[in-house]
Amino acid sequence: MAAKQSSGSASDPASGSASAGVATWRYVIPNAVTSLSLVFGLVVLVVASEGEFELAGWFTIWSVLLDKLDGTVARLLGASSKFGAQLDSLADLVVFGVAPAGTILLLMRARPQLYTGWLGDGALDQVSMHVMFGMLALFVVCAALRLAKFNVLDDEGGPPVFFGTASTFAGGVLALSLLIGLKHQLDWLLGLLPVFALVLALLMVSNLVIPKLGHDTGRAFKLFTAVNLALCYVFGFMRVFPEYMLAVALSFMGAGIVYGAIHREALLAGEAADGSELEST
């Protein structure tokens, strides 16, 4: 026993200091990934302000792809922490809430013809622009509410489901819709982006029960999911096929919503078994 103690951190200050240093660096790595995503959110607004809306959309998609990486790295390194979770939520608010809304607002300023004429000409054009600004503002607020709600529920026992769609999904759908509209010159699609933001805002704060991606499913479905996610990573970093990525995102979310509606009671019973309070949702 004495020999073991002499080689451990308790009796060897140098060894203890080295161990503490390694433990500290374990936490730095996943938080650095989160910080990179946060910086991407700033880059989105910078390039959008310069009229590079396609690049802004891709930076948002790259942030979506990075979103799961920090959590995965933290688990692999045994470096999960409440600090990291809070930092991740703050980054998500900027990247998937403020940045997409800001990008669309900048697009509205750059191409006002896409967003006017809905209510007629003249003064009514300004009304429509104000209404669309309100839709985007609501999107940001709902993203904040969604993230705050997730943090509270996660602290209460880690529910196996999502309540409402994730902000990552909402920001990603807006970015992919933007990219598709620009790629195919679909002015009508670009003009509807504020309306999409309104719908996604309401979905984020809804009480829809959606199983998490890691929910227990069959081996075939897990393989299907892994292949599609891998393709999304490849296409995302290659900046190709936003249509495919949007189809995958909408398909998985649609399937999750339907599954959650059909098996709502069973999913909530599973949550109750974990000790969380259903009434708080």
C-alpha atoms as a PDB file:
ATOM      1  CA  MET A   1       0.000   0.000   0.000  1.00  0.00           C
ATOM      2  CA  ALA A   2       2.844   2.337   0.862  1.00  0.00           C
ATOM      3  CA  ALA A   3       4.444   1.811  -2.507  1.00  0.00           C
ATOM      4  CA  LYS A   4       1.195   2.650  -4.277  1.00  0.00           C
ATOM      5  CA  GLN A   5       0.720   5.803  -2.252  1.00  0.00           C
ATOM      6  CA  SER A   6       4.220   7.013  -3.022  1.00  0.00           C
ATOM      7  CA  SER A   7       3.515   6.839  -6.738  1.00  0.00           C
ATOM      8  CA  GLY A   8       0.119   8.507  -6.448  1.00  0.00           C
ATOM      9  CA  SER A   9      -0.955  12.094  -6.292  1.00  0.00           C
ATOM     10  CA  ALA A  10      -1.389  12.182  -2.529  1.00  0.00           C
ATOM     11  CA  SER A  11       2.303  11.894  -1.631  1.00  0.00           C
ATOM     12  CA  ASP A  12       3.930  13.106  -4.856  1.00  0.00           C
ATOM     13  CA  PRO A  13       3.151  16.803  -5.525  1.00  0.00           C
ATOM     14  CA  ALA A  14       4.705  16.662  -8.994  1.00  0.00           C
ATOM     15  CA  SER A  15       2.609  13.651  -9.974  1.00  0.00           C
ATOM     16  CA  GLY A  16      -0.513  15.249  -8.534  1.00  0.00           C
ATOM     17  CA  SER A  17       0.128  18.457 -10.451  1.00  0.00           C
ATOM     18  CA  ALA A  18       0.608  16.535 -13.694  1.00  0.00           C
ATOM     19  CA  SER A  19      -2.616  14.590 -13.155  1.00  0.00           C
ATOM     20  CA  ALA A  20      -4.506  17.794 -12.441  1.00  0.00           C
ATOM     21  CA  GLY A  21      -3.074  19.347 -15.593  1.00  0.00           C
ATOM     22  CA  VAL A  22      -4.187  16.423 -17.737  1.00  0.00           C
ATOM     23  CA  ALA A  23      -7.653  16.537 -16.165  1.00  0.00           C
ATOM     24  CA  THR A  24      -7.916  20.257 -16.920  1.00  0.00           C
ATOM     25  CA  TRP A  25      -6.912  19.851 -20.561  1.00  0.00           C
ATOM     26  CA  ARG A  26      -9.554  17.181 -21.018  1.00  0.00           C
ATOM     27  CA  TYR A  27     -12.186  19.862 -20.438  1.00  0.00           C
ATOM     28  CA  VAL A  28     -10.486  22.387 -22.709  1.00  0.00           C
ATOM     29  CA  ILE A  29     -10.811  20.259 -25.847  1.00  0.00           C
ATOM     30  CA  PRO A  30     -14.640  19.880 -26.029  1.00  0.00           C
ATOM     31  CA  ASN A  31     -15.119  23.486 -24.907  1.00  0.00           C
ATOM     32  CA  ALA A  32     -12.753  24.582 -27.689  1.00  0.00           C
ATOM     33  CA  VAL A  33     -14.991  22.796 -30.206  1.00  0.00           C
ATOM     34  CA  THR A  34     -18.014  24.627 -28.774  1.00  0.00           C
ATOM     35  CA  SER A  35     -16.126  27.924 -28.954  1.00  0.00           C
ATOM     36  CA  LEU A  36     -15.281  27.274 -32.609  1.00  0.00           C
ATOM     37  CA  SER A  37     -18.979  26.849 -33.345  1.00  0.00           C
ATOM     38  CA  LEU A  38     -19.640  30.135 -31.536  1.00  0.00           C
ATOM     39  CA  VAL A  39     -17.034  31.877 -33.694  1.00  0.00           C
ATOM     40  CA  PHE A  40     -18.738  30.414 -36.758  1.00  0.00           C
ATOM     41  CA  GLY A  41     -21.891  32.219 -35.648  1.00  0.00           C
ATOM     42  CA  LEU A  42     -20.018  35.525 -35.768  1.00  0.00           C
ATOM     43  CA  VAL A  43     -18.555  34.655 -39.165  1.00  0.00           C
ATOM     44  CA  VAL A  44     -22.068  33.939 -40.466  1.00  0.00           C
ATOM     45  CA  LEU A  45     -23.151  37.491 -39.681  1.00  0.00           C
ATOM     46  CA  VAL A  46     -19.942  39.012 -41.071  1.00  0.00           C
ATOM     47  CA  VAL A  47     -20.104  37.244 -44.431  1.00  0.00           C
ATOM     48  CA  ALA A  48     -23.867  37.822 -44.682  1.00  0.00           C
ATOM     49  CA  SER A  49     -23.308  41.554 -44.126  1.00  0.00           C
ATOM     50  CA  GLU A  50     -20.946  41.440 -47.114  1.00  0.00           C
ATOM     51  CA  GLY A  51     -23.611  39.827 -49.284  1.00  0.00           C
ATOM     52  CA  GLU A  52     -22.086  36.328 -49.191  1.00  0.00           C
ATOM     53  CA  PHE A  53     -25.337  34.624 -48.235  1.00  0.00           C
ATOM     54  CA  GLU A  54     -24.396  31.224 -49.630  1.00  0.00           C
ATOM     55  CA  LEU A  55     -21.221  31.140 -47.542  1.00  0.00           C
ATOM     56  CA  ALA A  56     -23.229  32.261 -44.506  1.00  0.00           C
ATOM     57  CA  GLY A  57     -25.561  29.320 -45.036  1.00  0.00           C
ATOM     58  CA  TRP A  58     -22.707  26.845 -45.240  1.00  0.00           C
ATOM     59  CA  PHE A  59     -21.064  28.196 -42.097  1.00  0.00           C
ATOM     60  CA  THR A  60     -24.354  27.570 -40.311  1.00  0.00           C
ATOM     61  CA  ILE A  61     -24.424  24.003 -41.633  1.00  0.00           C
ATOM     62  CA  TRP A  62     -20.842  23.446 -40.492  1.00  0.00           C
ATOM     63  CA  SER A  63     -21.917  24.610 -37.044  1.00  0.00           C
ATOM     64  CA  VAL A  64     -24.727  22.036 -37.127  1.00  0.00           C
ATOM     65  CA  LEU A  65     -22.181  19.335 -37.936  1.00  0.00           C
ATOM     66  CA  LEU A  66     -19.933  20.534 -35.103  1.00  0.00           C
ATOM     67  CA  ASP A  67     -22.841  20.658 -32.654  1.00  0.00           C
ATOM     68  CA  LYS A  68     -22.712  16.958 -31.765  1.00  0.00           C
ATOM     69  CA  LEU A  69     -18.920  16.802 -31.901  1.00  0.00           C
ATOM     70  CA  ASP A  70     -18.294  18.668 -28.645  1.00  0.00           C
ATOM     71  CA  GLY A  71     -20.593  16.372 -26.673  1.00  0.00           C
ATOM     72  CA  THR A  72     -19.079  13.278 -28.269  1.00  0.00           C
ATOM     73  CA  VAL A  73     -15.545  14.450 -27.483  1.00  0.00           C
ATOM     74  CA  ALA A  74     -16.545  15.281 -23.905  1.00  0.00           C
ATOM     75  CA  ARG A  75     -17.970  11.802 -23.362  1.00  0.00           C
ATOM     76  CA  LEU A  76     -14.943  10.091 -24.920  1.00  0.00           C
ATOM     77  CA  LEU A  77     -12.580  12.082 -22.692  1.00  0.00           C
ATOM     78  CA  GLY A  78     -14.776  11.815 -19.606  1.00  0.00           C
ATOM     79  CA  ALA A  79     -14.947  15.601 -19.584  1.00  0.00           C
ATOM     80  CA  SER A  80     -18.694  16.272 -19.465  1.00  0.00           C
ATOM     81  CA  SER A  81     -19.511  19.199 -17.187  1.00  0.00           C
ATOM     82  CA  LYS A  82     -22.277  21.656 -16.358  1.00  0.00           C
ATOM     83  CA  PHE A  83     -19.997  24.461 -17.539  1.00  0.00           C
ATOM     84  CA  GLY A  84     -19.682  22.799 -20.945  1.00  0.00           C
ATOM     85  CA  ALA A  85     -23.439  22.287 -21.147  1.00  0.00           C
ATOM     86  CA  GLN A  86     -24.122  25.965 -20.404  1.00  0.00           C
ATOM     87  CA  LEU A  87     -21.473  27.106 -22.892  1.00  0.00           C
ATOM     88  CA  ASP A  88     -23.014  24.840 -25.515  1.00  0.00           C
ATOM     89  CA  SER A  89     -26.458  26.370 -24.954  1.00  0.00           C
ATOM     90  CA  LEU A  90     -25.103  29.911 -25.256  1.00  0.00           C
ATOM     91  CA  ALA A  91     -23.329  28.961 -28.479  1.00  0.00           C
ATOM     92  CA  ASP A  92     -26.500  27.333 -29.829  1.00  0.00           C
ATOM     93  CA  LEU A  93     -28.490  30.506 -29.167  1.00  0.00           C
ATOM     94  CA  VAL A  94     -26.024  32.579 -31.172  1.00  0.00           C
ATOM     95  CA  VAL A  95     -25.384  30.092 -33.986  1.00  0.00           C
ATOM     96  CA  PHE A  96     -28.863  28.623 -34.466  1.00  0.00           C
ATOM     97  CA  GLY A  97     -30.984  31.504 -33.198  1.00  0.00           C
ATOM     98  CA  VAL A  98     -29.383  34.908 -33.747  1.00  0.00           C
ATOM     99  CA  ALA A  99     -27.212  34.081 -36.782  1.00  0.00           C
ATOM    100  CA  PRO A 100     -29.949  32.564 -39.020  1.00  0.00           C
ATOM    101  CA  ALA A 101     -32.385  35.347 -38.141  1.00  0.00           C
ATOM    102  CA  GLY A 102     -29.685  37.957 -38.746  1.00  0.00           C
ATOM    103  CA  THR A 103     -28.807  36.396 -42.089  1.00  0.00           C
ATOM    104  CA  ILE A 104     -32.413  36.576 -43.270  1.00  0.00           C
ATOM    105  CA  LEU A 105     -32.720  40.181 -42.069  1.00  0.00           C
ATOM    106  CA  LEU A 106     -29.607  41.100 -44.049  1.00  0.00           C
ATOM    107  CA  LEU A 107     -31.065  39.306 -47.079  1.00  0.00           C
ATOM    108  CA  MET A 108     -34.244  41.349 -46.661  1.00  0.00           C
ATOM    109  CA  ARG A 109     -32.177  44.540 -46.780  1.00  0.00           C
ATOM    110  CA  ALA A 110     -30.134  43.367 -49.763  1.00  0.00           C
ATOM    111  CA  ARG A 111     -33.120  42.094 -51.773  1.00  0.00           C
ATOM    112  CA  PRO A 112     -36.188  43.967 -50.512  1.00  0.00           C
ATOM    113  CA  GLN A 113     -38.121  43.075 -53.667  1.00  0.00           C
ATOM    114  CA  LEU A 114     -38.433  39.519 -52.328  1.00  0.00           C
ATOM    115  CA  TYR A 115     -40.290  40.693 -49.234  1.00  0.00           C
ATOM    116  CA  THR A 116     -42.454  43.553 -50.467  1.00  0.00           C
ATOM    117  CA  GLY A 117     -45.703  43.610 -52.387  1.00  0.00           C
ATOM    118  CA  TRP A 118     -47.326  40.953 -50.220  1.00  0.00           C
ATOM    119  CA  LEU A 119     -49.853  43.439 -48.859  1.00  0.00           C
ATOM    120  CA  GLY A 120     -49.942  45.781 -51.823  1.00  0.00           C
ATOM    121  CA  ASP A 121     -47.760  48.744 -52.709  1.00  0.00           C
ATOM    122  CA  GLY A 122     -46.542  51.793 -50.871  1.00  0.00           C
ATOM    123  CA  ALA A 123     -47.012  52.040 -47.125  1.00  0.00           C
ATOM    124  CA  LEU A 124     -48.218  48.464 -46.830  1.00  0.00           C
ATOM    125  CA  ASP A 125     -44.787  47.280 -47.956  1.00  0.00           C
ATOM    126  CA  GLN A 126     -43.330  48.664 -44.750  1.00  0.00           C
ATOM    127  CA  VAL A 127     -45.989  46.850 -42.763  1.00  0.00           C
ATOM    128  CA  SER A 128     -45.044  43.526 -44.343  1.00  0.00           C
ATOM    129  CA  MET A 129     -41.354  44.155 -43.600  1.00  0.00           C
ATOM    130  CA  HIS A 130     -42.151  44.919 -39.952  1.00  0.00           C
ATOM    131  CA  VAL A 131     -44.284  41.786 -39.697  1.00  0.00           C
ATOM    132  CA  MET A 132     -41.446  39.673 -41.067  1.00  0.00           C
ATOM    133  CA  PHE A 133     -38.999  41.282 -38.668  1.00  0.00           C
ATOM    134  CA  GLY A 134     -41.372  40.298 -35.867  1.00  0.00           C
ATOM    135  CA  MET A 135     -41.367  36.695 -37.113  1.00  0.00           C
ATOM    136  CA  LEU A 136     -37.572  36.592 -37.001  1.00  0.00           C
ATOM    137  CA  ALA A 137     -37.452  38.250 -33.587  1.00  0.00           C
ATOM    138  CA  LEU A 138     -39.881  35.630 -32.288  1.00  0.00           C
ATOM    139  CA  PHE A 139     -37.620  32.922 -33.728  1.00  0.00           C
ATOM    140  CA  VAL A 140     -34.689  34.198 -31.645  1.00  0.00           C
ATOM    141  CA  VAL A 141     -36.789  34.443 -28.482  1.00  0.00           C
ATOM    142  CA  CYS A 142     -38.213  30.939 -28.951  1.00  0.00           C
ATOM    143  CA  ALA A 143     -34.716  29.550 -29.502  1.00  0.00           C
ATOM    144  CA  ALA A 144     -33.690  31.042 -26.148  1.00  0.00           C
ATOM    145  CA  LEU A 145     -36.796  29.635 -24.439  1.00  0.00           C
ATOM    146  CA  ARG A 146     -36.206  26.216 -26.002  1.00  0.00           C
ATOM    147  CA  LEU A 147     -32.594  26.080 -24.777  1.00  0.00           C
ATOM    148  CA  ALA A 148     -33.517  27.277 -21.282  1.00  0.00           C
ATOM    149  CA  LYS A 149     -36.250  24.639 -21.061  1.00  0.00           C
ATOM    150  CA  PHE A 150     -33.862  21.918 -22.224  1.00  0.00           C
ATOM    151  CA  ASN A 151     -31.299  22.876 -19.572  1.00  0.00           C
ATOM    152  CA  VAL A 152     -33.904  22.769 -16.800  1.00  0.00           C
ATOM    153  CA  LEU A 153     -35.240  19.369 -17.872  1.00  0.00           C
ATOM    154  CA  ASP A 154     -31.724  18.002 -18.314  1.00  0.00           C
ATOM    155  CA  ASP A 155     -30.825  19.055 -14.752  1.00  0.00           C
ATOM    156  CA  GLU A 156     -33.937  17.289 -13.453  1.00  0.00           C
ATOM    157  CA  GLY A 157     -32.852  13.863 -14.627  1.00  0.00           C
ATOM    158  CA  GLY A 158     -32.009  13.772 -18.304  1.00  0.00           C
ATOM    159  CA  PRO A 159     -35.265  12.952 -20.132  1.00  0.00           C
ATOM    160  CA  PRO A 160     -34.944  10.441 -23.003  1.00  0.00           C
ATOM    161  CA  VAL A 161     -37.022  12.707 -25.240  1.00  0.00           C
ATOM    162  CA  PHE A 162     -37.066  16.234 -26.590  1.00  0.00           C
ATOM    163  CA  PHE A 163     -40.028  18.499 -25.923  1.00  0.00           C
ATOM    164  CA  GLY A 164     -40.329  20.540 -29.091  1.00  0.00           C
ATOM    165  CA  THR A 165     -37.844  20.584 -31.944  1.00  0.00           C
ATOM    166  CA  ALA A 166     -34.215  21.408 -31.194  1.00  0.00           C
ATOM    167  CA  SER A 167     -32.759  24.822 -32.024  1.00  0.00           C
ATOM    168  CA  THR A 168     -30.063  23.019 -34.031  1.00  0.00           C
ATOM    169  CA  PHE A 169     -32.747  21.566 -36.302  1.00  0.00           C
ATOM    170  CA  ALA A 170     -34.500  24.923 -36.667  1.00  0.00           C
ATOM    171  CA  GLY A 171     -31.343  26.830 -37.567  1.00  0.00           C
ATOM    172  CA  GLY A 172     -30.218  24.086 -39.918  1.00  0.00           C
ATOM    173  CA  VAL A 173     -33.539  23.987 -41.782  1.00  0.00           C
ATOM    174  CA  LEU A 174     -33.453  27.749 -42.314  1.00  0.00           C
ATOM    175  CA  ALA A 175     -29.865  27.579 -43.574  1.00  0.00           C
ATOM    176  CA  LEU A 176     -30.595  24.691 -45.948  1.00  0.00           C
ATOM    177  CA  SER A 177     -33.720  26.429 -47.263  1.00  0.00           C
ATOM    178  CA  LEU A 178     -31.608  29.530 -47.895  1.00  0.00           C
ATOM    179  CA  LEU A 179     -28.964  27.497 -49.738  1.00  0.00           C
ATOM    180  CA  ILE A 180     -31.549  25.718 -51.908  1.00  0.00           C
ATOM    181  CA  GLY A 181     -33.278  28.999 -52.732  1.00  0.00           C
ATOM    182  CA  LEU A 182     -29.993  30.605 -53.764  1.00  0.00           C
ATOM    183  CA  LYS A 183     -28.794  27.555 -55.710  1.00  0.00           C
ATOM    184  CA  HIS A 184     -31.936  27.217 -57.806  1.00  0.00           C
ATOM    185  CA  GLN A 185     -32.831  30.940 -57.824  1.00  0.00           C
ATOM    186  CA  LEU A 186     -36.153  30.263 -56.124  1.00  0.00           C
ATOM    187  CA  ASP A 187     -37.206  33.771 -55.131  1.00  0.00           C
ATOM    188  CA  TRP A 188     -40.483  32.493 -53.697  1.00  0.00           C
ATOM    189  CA  LEU A 189     -38.570  30.191 -51.335  1.00  0.00           C
ATOM    190  CA  LEU A 190     -36.290  32.997 -50.182  1.00  0.00           C
ATOM    191  CA  GLY A 191     -39.335  35.195 -49.659  1.00  0.00           C
ATOM    192  CA  LEU A 192     -40.921  32.584 -47.395  1.00  0.00           C
ATOM    193  CA  LEU A 193     -37.925  32.255 -45.054  1.00  0.00           C
ATOM    194  CA  PRO A 194     -39.462  34.519 -42.364  1.00  0.00           C
ATOM    195  CA  VAL A 195     -42.628  32.397 -42.471  1.00  0.00           C
ATOM    196  CA  PHE A 196     -40.527  29.248 -42.081  1.00  0.00           C
ATOM    197  CA  ALA A 197     -38.837  30.919 -39.113  1.00  0.00           C
ATOM    198  CA  LEU A 198     -42.237  31.537 -37.512  1.00  0.00           C
ATOM    199  CA  VAL A 199     -43.293  27.898 -37.947  1.00  0.00           C
ATOM    200  CA  LEU A 200     -39.979  26.646 -36.556  1.00  0.00           C
ATOM    201  CA  ALA A 201     -40.248  29.060 -33.630  1.00  0.00           C
ATOM    202  CA  LEU A 202     -43.602  27.585 -32.643  1.00  0.00           C
ATOM    203  CA  LEU A 203     -42.274  24.039 -33.037  1.00  0.00           C
ATOM    204  CA  MET A 204     -39.343  24.805 -30.725  1.00  0.00           C
ATOM    205  CA  VAL A 205     -41.584  25.857 -27.845  1.00  0.00           C
ATOM    206  CA  SER A 206     -44.242  23.218 -28.456  1.00  0.00           C
ATOM    207  CA  ASN A 207     -44.792  20.194 -26.206  1.00  0.00           C
ATOM    208  CA  LEU A 208     -44.304  17.698 -29.019  1.00  0.00           C
ATOM    209  CA  VAL A 209     -42.627  14.576 -27.654  1.00  0.00           C
ATOM    210  CA  ILE A 210     -39.722  13.607 -29.900  1.00  0.00           C
ATOM    211  CA  PRO A 211     -37.423  10.688 -29.019  1.00  0.00           C
ATOM    212  CA  LYS A 212     -33.735  11.494 -28.989  1.00  0.00           C
ATOM    213  CA  LEU A 213     -31.655  10.124 -31.833  1.00  0.00           C
ATOM    214  CA  GLY A 214     -30.057   7.555 -29.536  1.00  0.00           C
ATOM    215  CA  HIS A 215     -33.455   6.120 -28.588  1.00  0.00           C
ATOM    216  CA  ASP A 216     -33.485   2.304 -28.572  1.00  0.00           C
ATOM    217  CA  THR A 217     -34.278   1.187 -32.126  1.00  0.00           C
ATOM    218  CA  GLY A 218     -33.538  -1.812 -34.288  1.00  0.00           C
ATOM    219  CA  ARG A 219     -30.117  -2.506 -35.757  1.00  0.00           C
ATOM    220  CA  ALA A 220     -31.294  -1.829 -39.315  1.00  0.00           C
ATOM    221  CA  PHE A 221     -32.607   1.624 -38.404  1.00  0.00           C
ATOM    222  CA  LYS A 222     -29.401   2.473 -36.550  1.00  0.00           C
ATOM    223  CA  LEU A 223     -27.383   1.507 -39.630  1.00  0.00           C
ATOM    224  CA  PHE A 224     -29.714   3.554 -41.841  1.00  0.00           C
ATOM    225  CA  THR A 225     -29.294   6.536 -39.516  1.00  0.00           C
ATOM    226  CA  ALA A 226     -25.506   6.213 -39.390  1.00  0.00           C
ATOM    227  CA  VAL A 227     -25.201   6.047 -43.187  1.00  0.00           C
ATOM    228  CA  ASN A 228     -27.394   9.109 -43.708  1.00  0.00           C
ATOM    229  CA  LEU A 229     -25.587  11.114 -41.038  1.00  0.00           C
ATOM    230  CA  ALA A 230     -22.222  10.172 -42.530  1.00  0.00           C
ATOM    231  CA  LEU A 231     -23.384  11.319 -45.963  1.00  0.00           C
ATOM    232  CA  CYS A 232     -24.599  14.607 -44.474  1.00  0.00           C
ATOM    233  CA  TYR A 233     -21.153  15.216 -42.982  1.00  0.00           C
ATOM    234  CA  VAL A 234     -19.462  14.455 -46.309  1.00  0.00           C
ATOM    235  CA  PHE A 235     -21.853  16.579 -48.368  1.00  0.00           C
ATOM    236  CA  GLY A 236     -21.820  19.375 -45.800  1.00  0.00           C
ATOM    237  CA  PHE A 237     -18.072  19.861 -45.801  1.00  0.00           C
ATOM    238  CA  MET A 238     -18.010  19.469 -49.603  1.00  0.00           C
ATOM    239  CA  ARG A 239     -20.721  22.162 -49.870  1.00  0.00           C
ATOM    240  CA  VAL A 240     -22.937  20.039 -52.112  1.00  0.00           C
ATOM    241  CA  PHE A 241     -26.461  18.582 -52.103  1.00  0.00           C
ATOM    242  CA  PRO A 242     -28.269  20.807 -49.575  1.00  0.00           C
ATOM    243  CA  GLU A 243     -31.465  19.270 -50.976  1.00  0.00           C
ATOM    244  CA  TYR A 244     -30.453  15.849 -49.692  1.00  0.00           C
ATOM    245  CA  MET A 245     -29.537  17.186 -46.263  1.00  0.00           C
ATOM    246  CA  LEU A 246     -32.850  19.026 -45.947  1.00  0.00           C
ATOM    247  CA  ALA A 247     -34.739  15.895 -46.985  1.00  0.00           C
ATOM    248  CA  VAL A 248     -32.876  13.862 -44.356  1.00  0.00           C
ATOM    249  CA  ALA A 249     -33.500  16.459 -41.632  1.00  0.00           C
ATOM    250  CA  LEU A 250     -37.210  16.781 -42.390  1.00  0.00           C
ATOM    251  CA  SER A 251     -37.667  13.018 -42.752  1.00  0.00           C
ATOM    252  CA  PHE A 252     -36.043  12.200 -39.430  1.00  0.00           C
ATOM    253  CA  MET A 253     -37.871  14.994 -37.640  1.00  0.00           C
ATOM    254  CA  GLY A 254     -41.189  14.035 -39.212  1.00  0.00           C
ATOM    255  CA  ALA A 255     -40.683  10.400 -38.247  1.00  0.00           C
ATOM    256  CA  GLY A 256     -39.729  11.459 -34.721  1.00  0.00           C
ATOM    257  CA  ILE A 257     -42.845  13.606 -34.335  1.00  0.00           C
ATOM    258  CA  VAL A 258     -45.122  10.816 -35.588  1.00  0.00           C
ATOM    259  CA  TYR A 259     -43.401   8.221 -33.389  1.00  0.00           C
ATOM    260  CA  GLY A 260     -43.633  10.537 -30.388  1.00  0.00           C
ATOM    261  CA  ALA A 261     -47.339  11.135 -30.975  1.00  0.00           C
ATOM    262  CA  ILE A 262     -48.093   7.413 -31.256  1.00  0.00           C
ATOM    263  CA  HIS A 263     -45.921   6.313 -28.336  1.00  0.00           C
ATOM    264  CA  ARG A 264     -46.249   9.444 -26.197  1.00  0.00           C
ATOM    265  CA  GLU A 265     -47.418   7.676 -23.040  1.00  0.00           C
ATOM    266  CA  ALA A 266     -44.726   4.999 -23.248  1.00  0.00           C
ATOM    267  CA  LEU A 267     -42.004   7.596 -23.800  1.00  0.00           C
ATOM    268  CA  LEU A 268     -43.237   9.703 -20.892  1.00  0.00           C
ATOM    269  CA  ALA A 269     -43.413   6.620 -18.692  1.00  0.00           C
ATOM    270  CA  GLY A 270     -39.791   5.977 -19.525  1.00  0.00           C
ATOM    271  CA  GLU A 271     -38.993   9.521 -18.501  1.00  0.00           C
ATOM    272  CA  ALA A 272     -40.864   9.109 -15.229  1.00  0.00           C
ATOM    273  CA  ALA A 273     -38.825   6.005 -14.491  1.00  0.00           C
ATOM    274  CA  ASP A 274     -35.733   8.166 -14.691  1.00  0.00           C
ATOM    275  CA  GLY A 275     -37.078  10.354 -11.897  1.00  0.00           C
ATOM    276  CA  SER A 276     -37.952  13.561 -13.751  1.00  0.00           C
ATOM    277  CA  GLU A 277     -41.197  15.473 -13.214  1.00  0.00           C
ATOM    278  CA  LEU A 278     -43.612  15.265 -16.109  1.00  0.00           C
ATOM    279  CA  GLU A 279     -45.628  18.195 -14.800  1.00  0.00           C
ATOM    280  CA  SER A 280     -42.723  20.558 -15.412  1.00  0.00           C
ATOM    281  CA  THR A 281     -42.928  20.102 -19.170  1.00  0.00           C
END
